[in-house]
Amino acid sequence: MGIFSVILFFLASKLILWEVIYESFGFSTMPAYAGLFLVGVLWEPVGFLIAPIGLAISRKFEKEADLHSLGILGKPEPFLGAFKKLAKDNLANLRPHPIYVFFNYSHPTLLNRIKYIQTNSNTRET
């Protein structure tokens, strides 16, 4: 994320100095405050398309964290109980649409996490 932030700020600094952006939006001068606003406007659609990459990486790390926690606990029951309690207390959507998950979820869905834990606890016992 740090490297991504550095790249983002570098691109923003270059875009703020690019006259074409100002001219495209009808500015005759290049005020910095307008440049920051225009970079934000231009970044919005790009960020929407790039976000699923970061979310997929986050979901992968969450699966690894779940597997590590399973190794520490040694048995899946406390883990599964915690997931079920979270789902109940937070009124979680247990079956969100896959496209919505792709664009919005930084964690695997609770049902996917439960299935993953059950599958990996069965393979650890054998």
N, C-alpha and C. Protein backbone atom coordinates (compact mmCIF):
# COMPACT_ATOMS: atom_id res chain seq x y z
N MET A 1 0.82 -1.19 0.00
CA MET A 1 0.00 0.00 0.00
C MET A 1 0.87 1.26 0.00
N GLY A 2 2.01 1.19 0.68
CA GLY A 2 2.91 2.34 0.71
C GLY A 2 3.44 2.68 -0.67
N ILE A 3 3.85 1.66 -1.39
CA ILE A 3 4.36 1.88 -2.75
C ILE A 3 3.25 2.44 -3.64
N PHE A 4 2.06 1.90 -3.49
CA PHE A 4 0.92 2.38 -4.27
C PHE A 4 0.64 3.85 -3.96
N SER A 5 0.74 4.24 -2.69
CA SER A 5 0.51 5.63 -2.29
C SER A 5 1.57 6.56 -2.90
N VAL A 6 2.82 6.12 -2.90
CA VAL A 6 3.89 6.93 -3.50
C VAL A 6 3.62 7.14 -4.99
N ILE A 7 3.24 6.08 -5.67
CA ILE A 7 2.93 6.17 -7.10
C ILE A 7 1.75 7.11 -7.33
N LEU A 8 0.73 6.99 -6.50
CA LEU A 8 -0.44 7.84 -6.62
C LEU A 8 -0.09 9.32 -6.44
N PHE A 9 0.69 9.63 -5.42
CA PHE A 9 1.07 11.02 -5.19
C PHE A 9 1.99 11.55 -6.31
N PHE A 10 2.84 10.69 -6.84
CA PHE A 10 3.69 11.10 -7.95
C PHE A 10 2.84 11.45 -9.17
N LEU A 11 1.88 10.57 -9.49
CA LEU A 11 0.99 10.85 -10.63
C LEU A 11 0.17 12.11 -10.40
N ALA A 12 -0.30 12.31 -9.17
CA ALA A 12 -1.08 13.52 -8.87
C ALA A 12 -0.22 14.77 -9.07
N SER A 13 1.04 14.71 -8.65
CA SER A 13 1.91 15.88 -8.81
C SER A 13 2.15 16.19 -10.28
N LYS A 14 2.23 15.17 -11.11
CA LYS A 14 2.41 15.39 -12.55
C LYS A 14 1.13 15.92 -13.19
N LEU A 15 -0.03 15.38 -12.77
CA LEU A 15 -1.30 15.83 -13.34
C LEU A 15 -1.61 17.27 -12.98
N ILE A 16 -1.24 17.70 -11.77
CA ILE A 16 -1.49 19.07 -11.35
C ILE A 16 -0.75 20.07 -12.24
N LEU A 17 0.38 19.67 -12.79
CA LEU A 17 1.18 20.56 -13.65
C LEU A 17 0.84 20.43 -15.13
N TRP A 18 -0.12 19.59 -15.48
CA TRP A 18 -0.46 19.33 -16.88
C TRP A 18 -1.52 20.33 -17.34
N GLU A 19 -1.15 21.21 -18.25
CA GLU A 19 -2.03 22.29 -18.72
C GLU A 19 -3.29 21.77 -19.40
N VAL A 20 -3.20 20.63 -20.06
CA VAL A 20 -4.33 20.10 -20.82
C VAL A 20 -5.55 19.88 -19.91
N ILE A 21 -5.32 19.45 -18.69
CA ILE A 21 -6.43 19.22 -17.77
C ILE A 21 -7.17 20.53 -17.50
N TYR A 22 -6.42 21.57 -17.21
CA TYR A 22 -7.04 22.86 -16.92
C TYR A 22 -7.82 23.38 -18.13
N GLU A 23 -7.20 23.27 -19.30
CA GLU A 23 -7.85 23.75 -20.52
C GLU A 23 -9.11 22.94 -20.83
N SER A 24 -9.07 21.65 -20.57
CA SER A 24 -10.23 20.79 -20.84
C SER A 24 -11.43 21.18 -20.00
N PHE A 25 -11.18 21.68 -18.80
CA PHE A 25 -12.26 22.07 -17.91
C PHE A 25 -12.52 23.58 -17.94
N GLY A 26 -11.92 24.29 -18.89
CA GLY A 26 -12.22 25.70 -19.10
C GLY A 26 -11.45 26.68 -18.24
N PHE A 27 -10.35 26.27 -17.65
CA PHE A 27 -9.53 27.19 -16.86
C PHE A 27 -8.50 27.85 -17.77
N SER A 28 -8.33 29.17 -17.60
CA SER A 28 -7.32 29.86 -18.38
C SER A 28 -5.99 29.92 -17.63
N THR A 29 -6.04 29.75 -16.31
CA THR A 29 -4.82 29.69 -15.48
C THR A 29 -4.77 28.32 -14.81
N MET A 30 -3.70 28.11 -14.06
CA MET A 30 -3.51 26.80 -13.41
C MET A 30 -3.45 26.95 -11.88
N PRO A 31 -4.55 27.31 -11.21
CA PRO A 31 -4.51 27.41 -9.75
C PRO A 31 -4.39 26.02 -9.11
N ALA A 32 -3.56 25.94 -8.09
CA ALA A 32 -3.29 24.65 -7.45
C ALA A 32 -4.55 24.03 -6.86
N TYR A 33 -5.41 24.85 -6.25
CA TYR A 33 -6.63 24.30 -5.65
C TYR A 33 -7.53 23.66 -6.71
N ALA A 34 -7.59 24.26 -7.89
CA ALA A 34 -8.37 23.67 -8.98
C ALA A 34 -7.71 22.38 -9.47
N GLY A 35 -6.39 22.37 -9.50
CA GLY A 35 -5.67 21.16 -9.91
C GLY A 35 -5.95 19.99 -8.99
N LEU A 36 -5.96 20.25 -7.68
CA LEU A 36 -6.27 19.18 -6.72
C LEU A 36 -7.68 18.66 -6.93
N PHE A 37 -8.62 19.58 -7.15
CA PHE A 37 -9.99 19.17 -7.40
C PHE A 37 -10.10 18.34 -8.68
N LEU A 38 -9.45 18.79 -9.74
CA LEU A 38 -9.51 18.08 -11.02
C LEU A 38 -8.86 16.70 -10.93
N VAL A 39 -7.77 16.60 -10.20
CA VAL A 39 -7.14 15.28 -10.00
C VAL A 39 -8.12 14.36 -9.27
N GLY A 40 -8.81 14.90 -8.28
CA GLY A 40 -9.81 14.09 -7.56
C GLY A 40 -10.93 13.64 -8.47
N VAL A 41 -11.39 14.53 -9.33
CA VAL A 41 -12.45 14.20 -10.27
C VAL A 41 -11.98 13.11 -11.24
N LEU A 42 -10.78 13.25 -11.73
CA LEU A 42 -10.25 12.26 -12.68
C LEU A 42 -9.91 10.94 -12.01
N TRP A 43 -9.53 10.99 -10.73
CA TRP A 43 -9.14 9.77 -10.03
C TRP A 43 -10.33 8.88 -9.70
N GLU A 44 -11.51 9.47 -9.51
CA GLU A 44 -12.67 8.71 -9.08
C GLU A 44 -12.96 7.49 -9.96
N PRO A 45 -13.10 7.63 -11.28
CA PRO A 45 -13.37 6.44 -12.09
C PRO A 45 -12.19 5.47 -12.13
N VAL A 46 -10.98 6.00 -12.10
CA VAL A 46 -9.80 5.13 -12.11
C VAL A 46 -9.74 4.32 -10.81
N GLY A 47 -10.00 4.99 -9.70
CA GLY A 47 -10.01 4.31 -8.41
C GLY A 47 -11.06 3.23 -8.33
N PHE A 48 -12.22 3.48 -8.94
CA PHE A 48 -13.29 2.49 -8.95
C PHE A 48 -12.85 1.22 -9.69
N LEU A 49 -12.09 1.39 -10.76
CA LEU A 49 -11.64 0.24 -11.54
C LEU A 49 -10.44 -0.47 -10.91
N ILE A 50 -9.62 0.26 -10.15
CA ILE A 50 -8.43 -0.33 -9.53
C ILE A 50 -8.74 -0.96 -8.17
N ALA A 51 -9.76 -0.47 -7.50
CA ALA A 51 -10.08 -0.93 -6.15
C ALA A 51 -10.23 -2.45 -6.03
N PRO A 52 -10.85 -3.14 -6.99
CA PRO A 52 -10.99 -4.59 -6.84
C PRO A 52 -9.65 -5.33 -6.69
N ILE A 53 -8.58 -4.78 -7.23
CA ILE A 53 -7.28 -5.43 -7.07
C ILE A 53 -6.86 -5.41 -5.61
N GLY A 54 -6.95 -4.24 -4.98
CA GLY A 54 -6.61 -4.13 -3.57
C GLY A 54 -7.53 -4.96 -2.69
N LEU A 55 -8.80 -4.99 -3.03
CA LEU A 55 -9.75 -5.78 -2.25
C LEU A 55 -9.46 -7.27 -2.38
N ALA A 56 -9.08 -7.73 -3.56
CA ALA A 56 -8.75 -9.15 -3.76
C ALA A 56 -7.52 -9.52 -2.94
N ILE A 57 -6.54 -8.64 -2.91
CA ILE A 57 -5.34 -8.89 -2.11
C ILE A 57 -5.71 -8.96 -0.63
N SER A 58 -6.56 -8.05 -0.19
CA SER A 58 -7.00 -8.04 1.20
C SER A 58 -7.75 -9.32 1.54
N ARG A 59 -8.62 -9.78 0.66
CA ARG A 59 -9.35 -11.04 0.91
C ARG A 59 -8.40 -12.22 1.00
N LYS A 60 -7.37 -12.21 0.16
CA LYS A 60 -6.37 -13.29 0.22
C LYS A 60 -5.65 -13.29 1.57
N PHE A 61 -5.25 -12.12 2.04
CA PHE A 61 -4.57 -12.03 3.33
C PHE A 61 -5.49 -12.45 4.47
N GLU A 62 -6.77 -12.14 4.35
CA GLU A 62 -7.73 -12.54 5.39
C GLU A 62 -7.87 -14.05 5.45
N LYS A 63 -7.86 -14.70 4.30
CA LYS A 63 -7.91 -16.17 4.29
C LYS A 63 -6.67 -16.75 4.95
N GLU A 64 -5.52 -16.16 4.66
CA GLU A 64 -4.28 -16.62 5.29
C GLU A 64 -4.32 -16.40 6.80
N ALA A 65 -4.89 -15.26 7.22
CA ALA A 65 -5.01 -14.98 8.65
C ALA A 65 -5.96 -15.97 9.32
N ASP A 66 -7.04 -16.32 8.64
CA ASP A 66 -7.96 -17.32 9.19
C ASP A 66 -7.26 -18.66 9.36
N LEU A 67 -6.49 -19.05 8.37
CA LEU A 67 -5.77 -20.32 8.44
C LEU A 67 -4.73 -20.30 9.57
N HIS A 68 -4.05 -19.18 9.73
CA HIS A 68 -3.08 -19.05 10.82
C HIS A 68 -3.79 -19.14 12.18
N SER A 69 -4.94 -18.47 12.30
CA SER A 69 -5.70 -18.54 13.54
C SER A 69 -6.17 -19.96 13.83
N LEU A 70 -6.56 -20.67 12.80
CA LEU A 70 -6.96 -22.06 12.97
C LEU A 70 -5.80 -22.89 13.49
N GLY A 71 -4.60 -22.61 12.99
CA GLY A 71 -3.42 -23.32 13.48
C GLY A 71 -3.15 -23.04 14.94
N ILE A 72 -3.40 -21.81 15.37
CA ILE A 72 -3.18 -21.45 16.77
C ILE A 72 -4.24 -22.09 17.66
N LEU A 73 -5.51 -22.02 17.23
CA LEU A 73 -6.59 -22.59 18.04
C LEU A 73 -6.56 -24.11 18.06
N GLY A 74 -6.17 -24.69 16.96
CA GLY A 74 -6.09 -26.14 16.87
C GLY A 74 -7.39 -26.83 16.52
N LYS A 75 -8.51 -26.19 16.74
CA LYS A 75 -9.81 -26.75 16.39
C LYS A 75 -10.71 -25.64 15.87
N PRO A 76 -11.63 -25.97 14.98
CA PRO A 76 -12.42 -24.93 14.32
C PRO A 76 -13.63 -24.42 15.12
N GLU A 77 -14.08 -25.13 16.13
CA GLU A 77 -15.33 -24.78 16.80
C GLU A 77 -15.36 -23.36 17.36
N PRO A 78 -14.33 -22.89 18.10
CA PRO A 78 -14.40 -21.51 18.60
C PRO A 78 -14.44 -20.48 17.47
N PHE A 79 -13.68 -20.77 16.44
CA PHE A 79 -13.63 -19.90 15.28
C PHE A 79 -15.00 -19.80 14.60
N LEU A 80 -15.60 -20.96 14.36
CA LEU A 80 -16.90 -20.99 13.70
C LEU A 80 -17.97 -20.34 14.56
N GLY A 81 -17.90 -20.54 15.87
CA GLY A 81 -18.84 -19.91 16.78
C GLY A 81 -18.73 -18.39 16.74
N ALA A 82 -17.50 -17.90 16.66
CA ALA A 82 -17.29 -16.45 16.58
C ALA A 82 -17.86 -15.88 15.28
N PHE A 83 -17.66 -16.59 14.17
CA PHE A 83 -18.21 -16.14 12.89
C PHE A 83 -19.73 -16.10 12.93
N LYS A 84 -20.33 -17.13 13.52
CA LYS A 84 -21.80 -17.18 13.59
C LYS A 84 -22.33 -16.06 14.48
N LYS A 85 -21.64 -15.78 15.57
CA LYS A 85 -22.05 -14.69 16.46
C LYS A 85 -21.92 -13.34 15.74
N LEU A 86 -20.82 -13.16 15.01
CA LEU A 86 -20.65 -11.93 14.23
C LEU A 86 -21.77 -11.75 13.21
N ALA A 87 -22.11 -12.83 12.53
CA ALA A 87 -23.16 -12.77 11.52
C ALA A 87 -24.49 -12.37 12.15
N LYS A 88 -24.78 -12.95 13.30
CA LYS A 88 -26.04 -12.66 13.98
C LYS A 88 -26.06 -11.23 14.52
N ASP A 89 -25.00 -10.84 15.22
CA ASP A 89 -24.96 -9.52 15.84
C ASP A 89 -24.92 -8.39 14.82
N ASN A 90 -24.25 -8.61 13.70
CA ASN A 90 -24.12 -7.56 12.68
C ASN A 90 -25.17 -7.65 11.58
N LEU A 91 -26.08 -8.61 11.71
CA LEU A 91 -27.10 -8.83 10.68
C LEU A 91 -26.46 -8.95 9.30
N ALA A 92 -25.44 -9.78 9.22
CA ALA A 92 -24.66 -9.91 7.99
C ALA A 92 -25.47 -10.52 6.86
N ASN A 93 -25.17 -10.07 5.67
CA ASN A 93 -25.73 -10.67 4.47
C ASN A 93 -24.88 -11.90 4.16
N LEU A 94 -25.45 -13.08 4.36
CA LEU A 94 -24.68 -14.30 4.20
C LEU A 94 -24.46 -14.68 2.74
N ARG A 95 -25.29 -14.17 1.86
CA ARG A 95 -25.15 -14.52 0.44
C ARG A 95 -25.18 -13.26 -0.44
N PRO A 96 -24.18 -12.40 -0.30
CA PRO A 96 -24.16 -11.21 -1.17
C PRO A 96 -23.84 -11.62 -2.61
N HIS A 97 -24.24 -10.80 -3.54
CA HIS A 97 -23.98 -11.08 -4.95
C HIS A 97 -22.48 -11.05 -5.19
N PRO A 98 -21.94 -12.00 -5.98
CA PRO A 98 -20.49 -12.05 -6.22
C PRO A 98 -19.91 -10.77 -6.82
N ILE A 99 -20.67 -10.08 -7.66
CA ILE A 99 -20.16 -8.82 -8.23
C ILE A 99 -20.03 -7.77 -7.14
N TYR A 100 -20.99 -7.73 -6.22
CA TYR A 100 -20.91 -6.77 -5.11
C TYR A 100 -19.71 -7.09 -4.23
N VAL A 101 -19.48 -8.37 -3.98
CA VAL A 101 -18.31 -8.78 -3.19
C VAL A 101 -17.03 -8.34 -3.90
N PHE A 102 -16.96 -8.55 -5.20
CA PHE A 102 -15.78 -8.21 -5.99
C PHE A 102 -15.42 -6.73 -5.87
N PHE A 103 -16.42 -5.86 -5.87
CA PHE A 103 -16.17 -4.42 -5.86
C PHE A 103 -16.17 -3.79 -4.46
N ASN A 104 -16.65 -4.50 -3.43
CA ASN A 104 -16.84 -3.84 -2.14
C ASN A 104 -16.29 -4.57 -0.92
N TYR A 105 -16.03 -5.86 -0.98
CA TYR A 105 -15.65 -6.61 0.22
C TYR A 105 -14.14 -6.73 0.36
N SER A 106 -13.63 -6.32 1.52
CA SER A 106 -12.21 -6.50 1.80
C SER A 106 -11.96 -7.81 2.54
N HIS A 107 -13.02 -8.47 2.97
CA HIS A 107 -12.93 -9.77 3.64
C HIS A 107 -13.78 -10.77 2.86
N PRO A 108 -13.42 -12.04 2.92
CA PRO A 108 -14.31 -13.04 2.31
C PRO A 108 -15.66 -13.02 3.03
N THR A 109 -16.71 -13.45 2.35
CA THR A 109 -18.01 -13.50 3.01
C THR A 109 -17.94 -14.51 4.16
N LEU A 110 -18.85 -14.34 5.12
CA LEU A 110 -18.82 -15.23 6.28
C LEU A 110 -19.02 -16.69 5.89
N LEU A 111 -19.91 -16.96 4.96
CA LEU A 111 -20.10 -18.35 4.54
C LEU A 111 -18.83 -18.91 3.89
N ASN A 112 -18.16 -18.10 3.09
CA ASN A 112 -16.90 -18.56 2.48
C ASN A 112 -15.84 -18.82 3.54
N ARG A 113 -15.78 -17.96 4.54
CA ARG A 113 -14.80 -18.15 5.61
C ARG A 113 -15.10 -19.41 6.40
N ILE A 114 -16.38 -19.65 6.68
CA ILE A 114 -16.76 -20.85 7.42
C ILE A 114 -16.42 -22.10 6.62
N LYS A 115 -16.76 -22.11 5.33
CA LYS A 115 -16.44 -23.26 4.47
C LYS A 115 -14.93 -23.47 4.40
N TYR A 116 -14.18 -22.39 4.28
CA TYR A 116 -12.72 -22.46 4.20
C TYR A 116 -12.13 -23.07 5.48
N ILE A 117 -12.63 -22.62 6.62
CA ILE A 117 -12.15 -23.14 7.91
C ILE A 117 -12.52 -24.61 8.04
N GLN A 118 -13.74 -24.97 7.69
CA GLN A 118 -14.16 -26.37 7.79
C GLN A 118 -13.33 -27.26 6.88
N THR A 119 -13.09 -26.82 5.67
CA THR A 119 -12.30 -27.61 4.72
C THR A 119 -10.87 -27.79 5.23
N ASN A 120 -10.27 -26.71 5.71
CA ASN A 120 -8.89 -26.79 6.15
C ASN A 120 -8.74 -27.48 7.50
N SER A 121 -9.76 -27.46 8.34
CA SER A 121 -9.67 -28.19 9.60
C SER A 121 -9.80 -29.69 9.34
N ASN A 122 -10.58 -30.07 8.31
CA ASN A 122 -10.71 -31.48 7.95
C ASN A 122 -9.41 -32.00 7.37
N THR A 123 -8.71 -31.20 6.57
CA THR A 123 -7.45 -31.67 5.97
C THR A 123 -6.34 -31.72 7.01
N ARG A 124 -6.44 -30.89 8.06
CA ARG A 124 -5.42 -30.92 9.11
C ARG A 124 -5.56 -32.15 9.99
N GLU A 125 -6.81 -32.62 10.15
CA GLU A 125 -7.06 -33.77 11.03
C GLU A 125 -6.65 -35.07 10.40
N THR A 126 -6.61 -35.11 9.05
CA THR A 126 -6.31 -36.38 8.39
C THR A 126 -4.82 -36.60 8.24
